[in-house]
Amino acid sequence: MADVLEITADNFQAVVLESERPVLVDFWAEWCGPCRIIAPVVEQIASERADSLVVGKLDVDKHGPIAARYGVQGIPFLGLFEHGKLTRQAVGAMPKAQLEKQLGLAS
């Protein structure tokens, strides 16, 4: 099973912005119910796409400036970063198929 990385202010540049592979970032918070609901979906995507996608979680309470930089106003906010740029996003808890479709990951 692929690990979901903890993304912080210290590693955001290297893990997300400088990654050769696309990176899915789950912007979340401990107190967020919908974030807990979608967490297993994010873990499943990480496992299924370990060869082609980096997956990480960024706690918006601990790293608010990063969330603000990308216009995160509601969580869970899932952002797909490609070549250092936020290219697609999805907000809210949703089924895996819907999330993959919104992020352009559907086969």
PDB file of N, CA and C in Angstrom:
ATOM      1  N   MET A   1       0.843  -1.188   0.000  1.00  0.00           N
ATOM      2  CA  MET A   1       0.000   0.000   0.000  1.00  0.00           C
ATOM      3  C   MET A   1       0.883   1.245   0.000  1.00  0.00           C
ATOM      4  N   ALA A   2       0.542   2.172  -0.841  1.00  0.00           N
ATOM      5  CA  ALA A   2       1.316   3.414  -0.946  1.00  0.00           C
ATOM      6  C   ALA A   2       1.051   4.303   0.265  1.00  0.00           C
ATOM      7  N   ASP A   3       2.072   4.996   0.659  1.00  0.00           N
ATOM      8  CA  ASP A   3       1.928   5.920   1.765  1.00  0.00           C
ATOM      9  C   ASP A   3       1.369   7.249   1.281  1.00  0.00           C
ATOM     10  N   VAL A   4       0.543   7.849   2.113  1.00  0.00           N
ATOM     11  CA  VAL A   4       0.091   9.217   1.874  1.00  0.00           C
ATOM     12  C   VAL A   4       1.051  10.090   2.680  1.00  0.00           C
ATOM     13  N   LEU A   5       1.785  10.936   1.990  1.00  0.00           N
ATOM     14  CA  LEU A   5       2.807  11.762   2.627  1.00  0.00           C
ATOM     15  C   LEU A   5       2.195  12.880   3.457  1.00  0.00           C
ATOM     16  N   GLU A   6       2.867  13.250   4.523  1.00  0.00           N
ATOM     17  CA  GLU A   6       2.476  14.449   5.258  1.00  0.00           C
ATOM     18  C   GLU A   6       3.207  15.616   4.603  1.00  0.00           C
ATOM     19  N   ILE A   7       2.436  16.548   4.088  1.00  0.00           N
ATOM     20  CA  ILE A   7       3.018  17.713   3.428  1.00  0.00           C
ATOM     21  C   ILE A   7       2.983  18.883   4.407  1.00  0.00           C
ATOM     22  N   THR A   8       4.123  19.546   4.524  1.00  0.00           N
ATOM     23  CA  THR A   8       4.263  20.661   5.456  1.00  0.00           C
ATOM     24  C   THR A   8       4.886  21.854   4.724  1.00  0.00           C
ATOM     25  N   ALA A   9       4.977  22.962   5.424  1.00  0.00           N
ATOM     26  CA  ALA A   9       5.637  24.139   4.845  1.00  0.00           C
ATOM     27  C   ALA A   9       7.092  23.814   4.517  1.00  0.00           C
ATOM     28  N   ASP A  10       7.706  22.933   5.304  1.00  0.00           N
ATOM     29  CA  ASP A  10       9.112  22.592   5.095  1.00  0.00           C
ATOM     30  C   ASP A  10       9.351  21.756   3.842  1.00  0.00           C
ATOM     31  N   ASN A  11       8.392  20.895   3.470  1.00  0.00           N
ATOM     32  CA  ASN A  11       8.646  20.019   2.322  1.00  0.00           C
ATOM     33  C   ASN A  11       7.757  20.316   1.111  1.00  0.00           C
ATOM     34  N   PHE A  12       6.877  21.314   1.192  1.00  0.00           N
ATOM     35  CA  PHE A  12       5.937  21.606   0.101  1.00  0.00           C
ATOM     36  C   PHE A  12       6.663  21.859  -1.220  1.00  0.00           C
ATOM     37  N   GLN A  13       7.692  22.666  -1.180  1.00  0.00           N
ATOM     38  CA  GLN A  13       8.445  22.998  -2.399  1.00  0.00           C
ATOM     39  C   GLN A  13       8.978  21.729  -3.062  1.00  0.00           C
ATOM     40  N   ALA A  14       9.659  20.892  -2.297  1.00  0.00           N
ATOM     41  CA  ALA A  14      10.285  19.691  -2.862  1.00  0.00           C
ATOM     42  C   ALA A  14       9.258  18.630  -3.254  1.00  0.00           C
ATOM     43  N   VAL A  15       8.303  18.366  -2.379  1.00  0.00           N
ATOM     44  CA  VAL A  15       7.354  17.270  -2.619  1.00  0.00           C
ATOM     45  C   VAL A  15       6.321  17.627  -3.681  1.00  0.00           C
ATOM     46  N   VAL A  16       5.821  18.846  -3.654  1.00  0.00           N
ATOM     47  CA  VAL A  16       4.720  19.224  -4.551  1.00  0.00           C
ATOM     48  C   VAL A  16       5.209  19.994  -5.772  1.00  0.00           C
ATOM     49  N   LEU A  17       5.878  21.094  -5.560  1.00  0.00           N
ATOM     50  CA  LEU A  17       6.210  21.990  -6.658  1.00  0.00           C
ATOM     51  C   LEU A  17       7.335  21.482  -7.560  1.00  0.00           C
ATOM     52  N   GLU A  18       8.249  20.673  -7.008  1.00  0.00           N
ATOM     53  CA  GLU A  18       9.377  20.190  -7.800  1.00  0.00           C
ATOM     54  C   GLU A  18       9.234  18.732  -8.220  1.00  0.00           C
ATOM     55  N   SER A  19       8.078  18.130  -7.990  1.00  0.00           N
ATOM     56  CA  SER A  19       7.870  16.724  -8.317  1.00  0.00           C
ATOM     57  C   SER A  19       7.828  16.498  -9.825  1.00  0.00           C
ATOM     58  N   GLU A  20       8.445  15.407 -10.255  1.00  0.00           N
ATOM     59  CA  GLU A  20       8.394  15.004 -11.664  1.00  0.00           C
ATOM     60  C   GLU A  20       7.018  14.422 -11.997  1.00  0.00           C
ATOM     61  N   ARG A  21       6.381  13.813 -10.996  1.00  0.00           N
ATOM     62  CA  ARG A  21       5.065  13.194 -11.190  1.00  0.00           C
ATOM     63  C   ARG A  21       3.982  14.147 -10.704  1.00  0.00           C
ATOM     64  N   PRO A  22       2.752  13.979 -11.195  1.00  0.00           N
ATOM     65  CA  PRO A  22       1.637  14.756 -10.641  1.00  0.00           C
ATOM     66  C   PRO A  22       1.493  14.475  -9.144  1.00  0.00           C
ATOM     67  N   VAL A  23       1.022  15.477  -8.407  1.00  0.00           N
ATOM     68  CA  VAL A  23       0.855  15.344  -6.959  1.00  0.00           C
ATOM     69  C   VAL A  23      -0.579  15.714  -6.596  1.00  0.00           C
ATOM     70  N   LEU A  24      -1.256  14.808  -5.888  1.00  0.00           N
ATOM     71  CA  LEU A  24      -2.588  15.071  -5.364  1.00  0.00           C
ATOM     72  C   LEU A  24      -2.428  15.491  -3.914  1.00  0.00           C
ATOM     73  N   VAL A  25      -2.859  16.697  -3.594  1.00  0.00           N
ATOM     74  CA  VAL A  25      -2.751  17.211  -2.231  1.00  0.00           C
ATOM     75  C   VAL A  25      -4.149  17.307  -1.631  1.00  0.00           C
ATOM     76  N   ASP A  26      -4.329  16.637  -0.505  1.00  0.00           N
ATOM     77  CA  ASP A  26      -5.574  16.689   0.258  1.00  0.00           C
ATOM     78  C   ASP A  26      -5.388  17.752   1.346  1.00  0.00           C
ATOM     79  N   PHE A  27      -6.004  18.916   1.141  1.00  0.00           N
ATOM     80  CA  PHE A  27      -5.993  19.979   2.155  1.00  0.00           C
ATOM     81  C   PHE A  27      -7.093  19.627   3.148  1.00  0.00           C
ATOM     82  N   TRP A  28      -6.750  19.416   4.410  1.00  0.00           N
ATOM     83  CA  TRP A  28      -7.692  18.900   5.394  1.00  0.00           C
ATOM     84  C   TRP A  28      -7.432  19.521   6.767  1.00  0.00           C
ATOM     85  N   ALA A  29      -8.293  19.170   7.733  1.00  0.00           N
ATOM     86  CA  ALA A  29      -8.092  19.560   9.134  1.00  0.00           C
ATOM     87  C   ALA A  29      -8.648  18.451  10.027  1.00  0.00           C
ATOM     88  N   GLU A  30      -8.075  18.329  11.189  1.00  0.00           N
ATOM     89  CA  GLU A  30      -8.456  17.285  12.149  1.00  0.00           C
ATOM     90  C   GLU A  30      -9.941  17.340  12.508  1.00  0.00           C
ATOM     91  N   TRP A  31     -10.487  18.537  12.641  1.00  0.00           N
ATOM     92  CA  TRP A  31     -11.876  18.715  13.093  1.00  0.00           C
ATOM     93  C   TRP A  31     -12.901  18.546  11.971  1.00  0.00           C
ATOM     94  N   CYS A  32     -12.459  18.340  10.744  1.00  0.00           N
ATOM     95  CA  CYS A  32     -13.331  18.331   9.566  1.00  0.00           C
ATOM     96  C   CYS A  32     -13.925  16.939   9.324  1.00  0.00           C
ATOM     97  N   GLY A  33     -15.232  16.795   9.543  1.00  0.00           N
ATOM     98  CA  GLY A  33     -15.914  15.518   9.325  1.00  0.00           C
ATOM     99  C   GLY A  33     -15.812  15.021   7.895  1.00  0.00           C
ATOM    100  N   PRO A  34     -16.135  15.851   6.896  1.00  0.00           N
ATOM    101  CA  PRO A  34     -16.012  15.399   5.508  1.00  0.00           C
ATOM    102  C   PRO A  34     -14.577  14.994   5.140  1.00  0.00           C
ATOM    103  N   CYS A  35     -13.584  15.610   5.785  1.00  0.00           N
ATOM    104  CA  CYS A  35     -12.187  15.230   5.531  1.00  0.00           C
ATOM    105  C   CYS A  35     -11.943  13.790   5.968  1.00  0.00           C
ATOM    106  N   ARG A  36     -12.516  13.411   7.107  1.00  0.00           N
ATOM    107  CA  ARG A  36     -12.377  12.033   7.594  1.00  0.00           C
ATOM    108  C   ARG A  36     -13.122  11.059   6.683  1.00  0.00           C
ATOM    109  N   ILE A  37     -14.247  11.513   6.123  1.00  0.00           N
ATOM    110  CA  ILE A  37     -15.029  10.652   5.228  1.00  0.00           C
ATOM    111  C   ILE A  37     -14.250  10.358   3.944  1.00  0.00           C
ATOM    112  N   ILE A  38     -13.572  11.349   3.408  1.00  0.00           N
ATOM    113  CA  ILE A  38     -12.889  11.153   2.124  1.00  0.00           C
ATOM    114  C   ILE A  38     -11.484  10.564   2.284  1.00  0.00           C
ATOM    115  N   ALA A  39     -10.954  10.530   3.488  1.00  0.00           N
ATOM    116  CA  ALA A  39      -9.596  10.019   3.714  1.00  0.00           C
ATOM    117  C   ALA A  39      -9.372   8.614   3.150  1.00  0.00           C
ATOM    118  N   PRO A  40     -10.295   7.654   3.350  1.00  0.00           N
ATOM    119  CA  PRO A  40     -10.062   6.323   2.765  1.00  0.00           C
ATOM    120  C   PRO A  40     -10.039   6.337   1.237  1.00  0.00           C
ATOM    121  N   VAL A  41     -10.783   7.235   0.624  1.00  0.00           N
ATOM    122  CA  VAL A  41     -10.786   7.359  -0.839  1.00  0.00           C
ATOM    123  C   VAL A  41      -9.410   7.860  -1.300  1.00  0.00           C
ATOM    124  N   VAL A  42      -8.881   8.837  -0.594  1.00  0.00           N
ATOM    125  CA  VAL A  42      -7.558   9.381  -0.926  1.00  0.00           C
ATOM    126  C   VAL A  42      -6.503   8.286  -0.767  1.00  0.00           C
ATOM    127  N   GLU A  43      -6.606   7.494   0.302  1.00  0.00           N
ATOM    128  CA  GLU A  43      -5.653   6.408   0.525  1.00  0.00           C
ATOM    129  C   GLU A  43      -5.762   5.349  -0.573  1.00  0.00           C
ATOM    130  N   GLN A  44      -6.976   5.080  -1.028  1.00  0.00           N
ATOM    131  CA  GLN A  44      -7.177   4.101  -2.095  1.00  0.00           C
ATOM    132  C   GLN A  44      -6.555   4.597  -3.406  1.00  0.00           C
ATOM    133  N   ILE A  45      -6.749   5.863  -3.715  1.00  0.00           N
ATOM    134  CA  ILE A  45      -6.142   6.442  -4.919  1.00  0.00           C
ATOM    135  C   ILE A  45      -4.619   6.367  -4.806  1.00  0.00           C
ATOM    136  N   ALA A  46      -4.069   6.660  -3.640  1.00  0.00           N
ATOM    137  CA  ALA A  46      -2.616   6.594  -3.436  1.00  0.00           C
ATOM    138  C   ALA A  46      -2.109   5.183  -3.699  1.00  0.00           C
ATOM    139  N   SER A  47      -2.831   4.198  -3.228  1.00  0.00           N
ATOM    140  CA  SER A  47      -2.432   2.807  -3.395  1.00  0.00           C
ATOM    141  C   SER A  47      -2.516   2.372  -4.859  1.00  0.00           C
ATOM    142  N   GLU A  48      -3.619   2.707  -5.496  1.00  0.00           N
ATOM    143  CA  GLU A  48      -3.846   2.281  -6.881  1.00  0.00           C
ATOM    144  C   GLU A  48      -2.948   2.986  -7.886  1.00  0.00           C
ATOM    145  N   ARG A  49      -2.513   4.200  -7.570  1.00  0.00           N
ATOM    146  CA  ARG A  49      -1.750   5.003  -8.537  1.00  0.00           C
ATOM    147  C   ARG A  49      -0.334   5.315  -8.054  1.00  0.00           C
ATOM    148  N   ALA A  50       0.205   4.431  -7.220  1.00  0.00           N
ATOM    149  CA  ALA A  50       1.525   4.670  -6.630  1.00  0.00           C
ATOM    150  C   ALA A  50       2.617   4.879  -7.675  1.00  0.00           C
ATOM    151  N   ASP A  51       2.469   4.250  -8.836  1.00  0.00           N
ATOM    152  CA  ASP A  51       3.497   4.367  -9.880  1.00  0.00           C
ATOM    153  C   ASP A  51       3.420   5.676 -10.651  1.00  0.00           C
ATOM    154  N   SER A  52       2.261   6.331 -10.628  1.00  0.00           N
ATOM    155  CA  SER A  52       2.089   7.504 -11.487  1.00  0.00           C
ATOM    156  C   SER A  52       1.739   8.792 -10.751  1.00  0.00           C
ATOM    157  N   LEU A  53       1.441   8.688  -9.446  1.00  0.00           N
ATOM    158  CA  LEU A  53       0.923   9.843  -8.709  1.00  0.00           C
ATOM    159  C   LEU A  53       1.491   9.873  -7.299  1.00  0.00           C
ATOM    160  N   VAL A  54       1.905  11.044  -6.861  1.00  0.00           N
ATOM    161  CA  VAL A  54       2.295  11.254  -5.471  1.00  0.00           C
ATOM    162  C   VAL A  54       1.057  11.773  -4.753  1.00  0.00           C
ATOM    163  N   VAL A  55       0.765  11.261  -3.569  1.00  0.00           N
ATOM    164  CA  VAL A  55      -0.408  11.703  -2.818  1.00  0.00           C
ATOM    165  C   VAL A  55       0.032  12.144  -1.425  1.00  0.00           C
ATOM    166  N   GLY A  56      -0.463  13.311  -1.014  1.00  0.00           N
ATOM    167  CA  GLY A  56      -0.111  13.823   0.294  1.00  0.00           C
ATOM    168  C   GLY A  56      -1.254  14.585   0.933  1.00  0.00           C
ATOM    169  N   LYS A  57      -1.119  14.827   2.241  1.00  0.00           N
ATOM    170  CA  LYS A  57      -2.118  15.565   3.004  1.00  0.00           C
ATOM    171  C   LYS A  57      -1.444  16.780   3.635  1.00  0.00           C
ATOM    172  N   LEU A  58      -2.126  17.917   3.569  1.00  0.00           N
ATOM    173  CA  LEU A  58      -1.618  19.135   4.175  1.00  0.00           C
ATOM    174  C   LEU A  58      -2.663  19.661   5.149  1.00  0.00           C
ATOM    175  N   ASP A  59      -2.287  19.780   6.418  1.00  0.00           N
ATOM    176  CA  ASP A  59      -3.184  20.264   7.469  1.00  0.00           C
ATOM    177  C   ASP A  59      -3.304  21.786   7.358  1.00  0.00           C
ATOM    178  N   VAL A  60      -4.501  22.263   7.018  1.00  0.00           N
ATOM    179  CA  VAL A  60      -4.683  23.704   6.792  1.00  0.00           C
ATOM    180  C   VAL A  60      -4.562  24.518   8.079  1.00  0.00           C
ATOM    181  N   ASP A  61      -4.805  23.888   9.229  1.00  0.00           N
ATOM    182  CA  ASP A  61      -4.656  24.621  10.488  1.00  0.00           C
ATOM    183  C   ASP A  61      -3.181  24.882  10.797  1.00  0.00           C
ATOM    184  N   LYS A  62      -2.324  23.959  10.425  1.00  0.00           N
ATOM    185  CA  LYS A  62      -0.891  24.106  10.680  1.00  0.00           C
ATOM    186  C   LYS A  62      -0.177  24.879   9.571  1.00  0.00           C
ATOM    187  N   HIS A  63      -0.750  24.859   8.367  1.00  0.00           N
ATOM    188  CA  HIS A  63      -0.068  25.454   7.213  1.00  0.00           C
ATOM    189  C   HIS A  63      -1.025  26.345   6.414  1.00  0.00           C
ATOM    190  N   GLY A  64      -1.697  27.223   7.130  1.00  0.00           N
ATOM    191  CA  GLY A  64      -2.683  28.118   6.533  1.00  0.00           C
ATOM    192  C   GLY A  64      -2.178  28.963   5.380  1.00  0.00           C
ATOM    193  N   PRO A  65      -0.971  29.503   5.447  1.00  0.00           N
ATOM    194  CA  PRO A  65      -0.495  30.330   4.336  1.00  0.00           C
ATOM    195  C   PRO A  65      -0.429  29.581   3.000  1.00  0.00           C
ATOM    196  N   ILE A  66      -0.093  28.295   3.041  1.00  0.00           N
ATOM    197  CA  ILE A  66      -0.053  27.517   1.796  1.00  0.00           C
ATOM    198  C   ILE A  66      -1.466  27.342   1.268  1.00  0.00           C
ATOM    199  N   ALA A  67      -2.400  26.999   2.148  1.00  0.00           N
ATOM    200  CA  ALA A  67      -3.800  26.847   1.731  1.00  0.00           C
ATOM    201  C   ALA A  67      -4.320  28.160   1.140  1.00  0.00           C
ATOM    202  N   ALA A  68      -4.000  29.279   1.781  1.00  0.00           N
ATOM    203  CA  ALA A  68      -4.457  30.580   1.292  1.00  0.00           C
ATOM    204  C   ALA A  68      -3.868  30.894  -0.086  1.00  0.00           C
ATOM    205  N   ARG A  69      -2.630  30.512  -0.305  1.00  0.00           N
ATOM    206  CA  ARG A  69      -1.957  30.772  -1.589  1.00  0.00           C
ATOM    207  C   ARG A  69      -2.720  30.128  -2.755  1.00  0.00           C
ATOM    208  N   TYR A  70      -3.377  29.008  -2.483  1.00  0.00           N
ATOM    209  CA  TYR A  70      -4.103  28.299  -3.540  1.00  0.00           C
ATOM    210  C   TYR A  70      -5.616  28.486  -3.451  1.00  0.00           C
ATOM    211  N   GLY A  71      -6.046  29.466  -2.687  1.00  0.00           N
ATOM    212  CA  GLY A  71      -7.457  29.815  -2.642  1.00  0.00           C
ATOM    213  C   GLY A  71      -8.347  28.796  -1.957  1.00  0.00           C
ATOM    214  N   VAL A  72      -7.782  28.017  -1.050  1.00  0.00           N
ATOM    215  CA  VAL A  72      -8.564  27.012  -0.344  1.00  0.00           C
ATOM    216  C   VAL A  72      -9.472  27.715   0.658  1.00  0.00           C
ATOM    217  N   GLN A  73     -10.783  27.621   0.430  1.00  0.00           N
ATOM    218  CA  GLN A  73     -11.745  28.247   1.329  1.00  0.00           C
ATOM    219  C   GLN A  73     -12.638  27.222   2.002  1.00  0.00           C
ATOM    220  N   GLY A  74     -12.767  26.051   1.397  1.00  0.00           N
ATOM    221  CA  GLY A  74     -13.558  24.973   1.973  1.00  0.00           C
ATOM    222  C   GLY A  74     -12.764  23.689   1.916  1.00  0.00           C
ATOM    223  N   ILE A  75     -12.937  22.843   2.918  1.00  0.00           N
ATOM    224  CA  ILE A  75     -12.227  21.568   2.941  1.00  0.00           C
ATOM    225  C   ILE A  75     -13.220  20.427   3.137  1.00  0.00           C
ATOM    226  N   PRO A  76     -12.900  19.235   2.672  1.00  0.00           N
ATOM    227  CA  PRO A  76     -11.658  18.875   2.016  1.00  0.00           C
ATOM    228  C   PRO A  76     -11.544  19.505   0.619  1.00  0.00           C
ATOM    229  N   PHE A  77     -10.362  19.987   0.340  1.00  0.00           N
ATOM    230  CA  PHE A  77     -10.007  20.553  -0.964  1.00  0.00           C
ATOM    231  C   PHE A  77      -8.907  19.663  -1.505  1.00  0.00           C
ATOM    232  N   LEU A  78      -9.167  19.041  -2.638  1.00  0.00           N
ATOM    233  CA  LEU A  78      -8.169  18.162  -3.237  1.00  0.00           C
ATOM    234  C   LEU A  78      -7.649  18.831  -4.493  1.00  0.00           C
ATOM    235  N   GLY A  79      -6.353  19.090  -4.495  1.00  0.00           N
ATOM    236  CA  GLY A  79      -5.742  19.785  -5.620  1.00  0.00           C
ATOM    237  C   GLY A  79      -4.750  18.893  -6.334  1.00  0.00           C
ATOM    238  N   LEU A  80      -4.823  18.892  -7.654  1.00  0.00           N
ATOM    239  CA  LEU A  80      -3.869  18.147  -8.465  1.00  0.00           C
ATOM    240  C   LEU A  80      -2.841  19.133  -9.010  1.00  0.00           C
ATOM    241  N   PHE A  81      -1.590  18.908  -8.651  1.00  0.00           N
ATOM    242  CA  PHE A  81      -0.491  19.760  -9.084  1.00  0.00           C
ATOM    243  C   PHE A  81       0.307  19.031 -10.152  1.00  0.00           C
ATOM    244  N   GLU A  82       0.539  19.712 -11.278  1.00  0.00           N
ATOM    245  CA  GLU A  82       1.352  19.164 -12.351  1.00  0.00           C
ATOM    246  C   GLU A  82       2.390  20.202 -12.732  1.00  0.00           C
ATOM    247  N   HIS A  83       3.649  19.780 -12.731  1.00  0.00           N
ATOM    248  CA  HIS A  83       4.761  20.682 -13.059  1.00  0.00           C
ATOM    249  C   HIS A  83       4.733  21.934 -12.179  1.00  0.00           C
ATOM    250  N   GLY A  84       4.396  21.746 -10.899  1.00  0.00           N
ATOM    251  CA  GLY A  84       4.429  22.844  -9.949  1.00  0.00           C
ATOM    252  C   GLY A  84       3.228  23.764  -9.953  1.00  0.00           C
ATOM    253  N   LYS A  85       2.224  23.439 -10.764  1.00  0.00           N
ATOM    254  CA  LYS A  85       1.045  24.306 -10.841  1.00  0.00           C
ATOM    255  C   LYS A  85      -0.214  23.531 -10.474  1.00  0.00           C
ATOM    256  N   LEU A  86      -1.136  24.210  -9.778  1.00  0.00           N
ATOM    257  CA  LEU A  86      -2.434  23.629  -9.460  1.00  0.00           C
ATOM    258  C   LEU A  86      -3.254  23.605 -10.739  1.00  0.00           C
ATOM    259  N   THR A  87      -3.540  22.413 -11.259  1.00  0.00           N
ATOM    260  CA  THR A  87      -4.218  22.307 -12.546  1.00  0.00           C
ATOM    261  C   THR A  87      -5.680  21.902 -12.417  1.00  0.00           C
ATOM    262  N   ARG A  88      -6.023  21.131 -11.387  1.00  0.00           N
ATOM    263  CA  ARG A  88      -7.416  20.705 -11.201  1.00  0.00           C
ATOM    264  C   ARG A  88      -7.689  20.650  -9.718  1.00  0.00           C
ATOM    265  N   GLN A  89      -8.975  20.759  -9.382  1.00  0.00           N
ATOM    266  CA  GLN A  89      -9.334  20.718  -7.965  1.00  0.00           C
ATOM    267  C   GLN A  89     -10.739  20.182  -7.779  1.00  0.00           C
ATOM    268  N   ALA A  90     -10.973  19.676  -6.586  1.00  0.00           N
ATOM    269  CA  ALA A  90     -12.297  19.196  -6.187  1.00  0.00           C
ATOM    270  C   ALA A  90     -12.488  19.582  -4.729  1.00  0.00           C
ATOM    271  N   VAL A  91     -13.706  19.976  -4.385  1.00  0.00           N
ATOM    272  CA  VAL A  91     -13.992  20.395  -3.011  1.00  0.00           C
ATOM    273  C   VAL A  91     -15.138  19.563  -2.466  1.00  0.00           C
ATOM    274  N   GLY A  92     -14.947  19.058  -1.255  1.00  0.00           N
ATOM    275  CA  GLY A  92     -16.001  18.297  -0.585  1.00  0.00           C
ATOM    276  C   GLY A  92     -15.787  16.804  -0.675  1.00  0.00           C
ATOM    277  N   ALA A  93     -16.475  16.086   0.204  1.00  0.00           N
ATOM    278  CA  ALA A  93     -16.422  14.626   0.192  1.00  0.00           C
ATOM    279  C   ALA A  93     -17.306  14.127  -0.943  1.00  0.00           C
ATOM    280  N   MET A  94     -16.792  13.129  -1.667  1.00  0.00           N
ATOM    281  CA  MET A  94     -17.544  12.573  -2.792  1.00  0.00           C
ATOM    282  C   MET A  94     -17.057  11.153  -3.052  1.00  0.00           C
ATOM    283  N   PRO A  95     -17.838  10.385  -3.790  1.00  0.00           N
ATOM    284  CA  PRO A  95     -17.398   9.034  -4.131  1.00  0.00           C
ATOM    285  C   PRO A  95     -16.130   9.067  -4.984  1.00  0.00           C
ATOM    286  N   LYS A  96     -15.378   7.985  -4.932  1.00  0.00           N
ATOM    287  CA  LYS A  96     -14.095   7.893  -5.638  1.00  0.00           C
ATOM    288  C   LYS A  96     -14.237   8.187  -7.131  1.00  0.00           C
ATOM    289  N   ALA A  97     -15.228   7.595  -7.789  1.00  0.00           N
ATOM    290  CA  ALA A  97     -15.404   7.797  -9.234  1.00  0.00           C
ATOM    291  C   ALA A  97     -15.621   9.267  -9.573  1.00  0.00           C
ATOM    292  N   GLN A  98     -16.405   9.949  -8.772  1.00  0.00           N
ATOM    293  CA  GLN A  98     -16.679  11.371  -9.003  1.00  0.00           C
ATOM    294  C   GLN A  98     -15.410  12.198  -8.778  1.00  0.00           C
ATOM    295  N   LEU A  99     -14.666  11.876  -7.726  1.00  0.00           N
ATOM    296  CA  LEU A  99     -13.437  12.594  -7.433  1.00  0.00           C
ATOM    297  C   LEU A  99     -12.428  12.414  -8.569  1.00  0.00           C
ATOM    298  N   GLU A 100     -12.266  11.185  -9.021  1.00  0.00           N
ATOM    299  CA  GLU A 100     -11.317  10.925 -10.110  1.00  0.00           C
ATOM    300  C   GLU A 100     -11.740  11.657 -11.391  1.00  0.00           C
ATOM    301  N   LYS A 101     -13.032  11.709 -11.650  1.00  0.00           N
ATOM    302  CA  LYS A 101     -13.512  12.417 -12.831  1.00  0.00           C
ATOM    303  C   LYS A 101     -13.206  13.914 -12.735  1.00  0.00           C
ATOM    304  N   GLN A 102     -13.484  14.514 -11.570  1.00  0.00           N
ATOM    305  CA  GLN A 102     -13.228  15.954 -11.394  1.00  0.00           C
ATOM    306  C   GLN A 102     -11.751  16.291 -11.509  1.00  0.00           C
ATOM    307  N   LEU A 103     -10.909  15.363 -11.076  1.00  0.00           N
ATOM    308  CA  LEU A 103      -9.459  15.612 -11.100  1.00  0.00           C
ATOM    309  C   LEU A 103      -8.814  15.157 -12.405  1.00  0.00           C
ATOM    310  N   GLY A 104      -9.603  14.616 -13.307  1.00  0.00           N
ATOM    311  CA  GLY A 104      -9.058  14.148 -14.574  1.00  0.00           C
ATOM    312  C   GLY A 104      -8.263  12.872 -14.448  1.00  0.00           C
ATOM    313  N   LEU A 105      -8.550  12.085 -13.425  1.00  0.00           N
ATOM    314  CA  LEU A 105      -7.838  10.835 -13.199  1.00  0.00           C
ATOM    315  C   LEU A 105      -8.611   9.614 -13.678  1.00  0.00           C
ATOM    316  N   ALA A 106      -9.847   9.810 -14.097  1.00  0.00           N
ATOM    317  CA  ALA A 106     -10.687   8.680 -14.509  1.00  0.00           C
ATOM    318  C   ALA A 106     -10.095   8.031 -15.750  1.00  0.00           C
ATOM    319  N   SER A 107     -10.144   6.696 -15.778  1.00  0.00           N
ATOM    320  CA  SER A 107      -9.574   5.964 -16.924  1.00  0.00           C
ATOM    321  C   SER A 107     -10.531   5.964 -18.089  1.00  0.00           C
TER     322      SER A 107
END
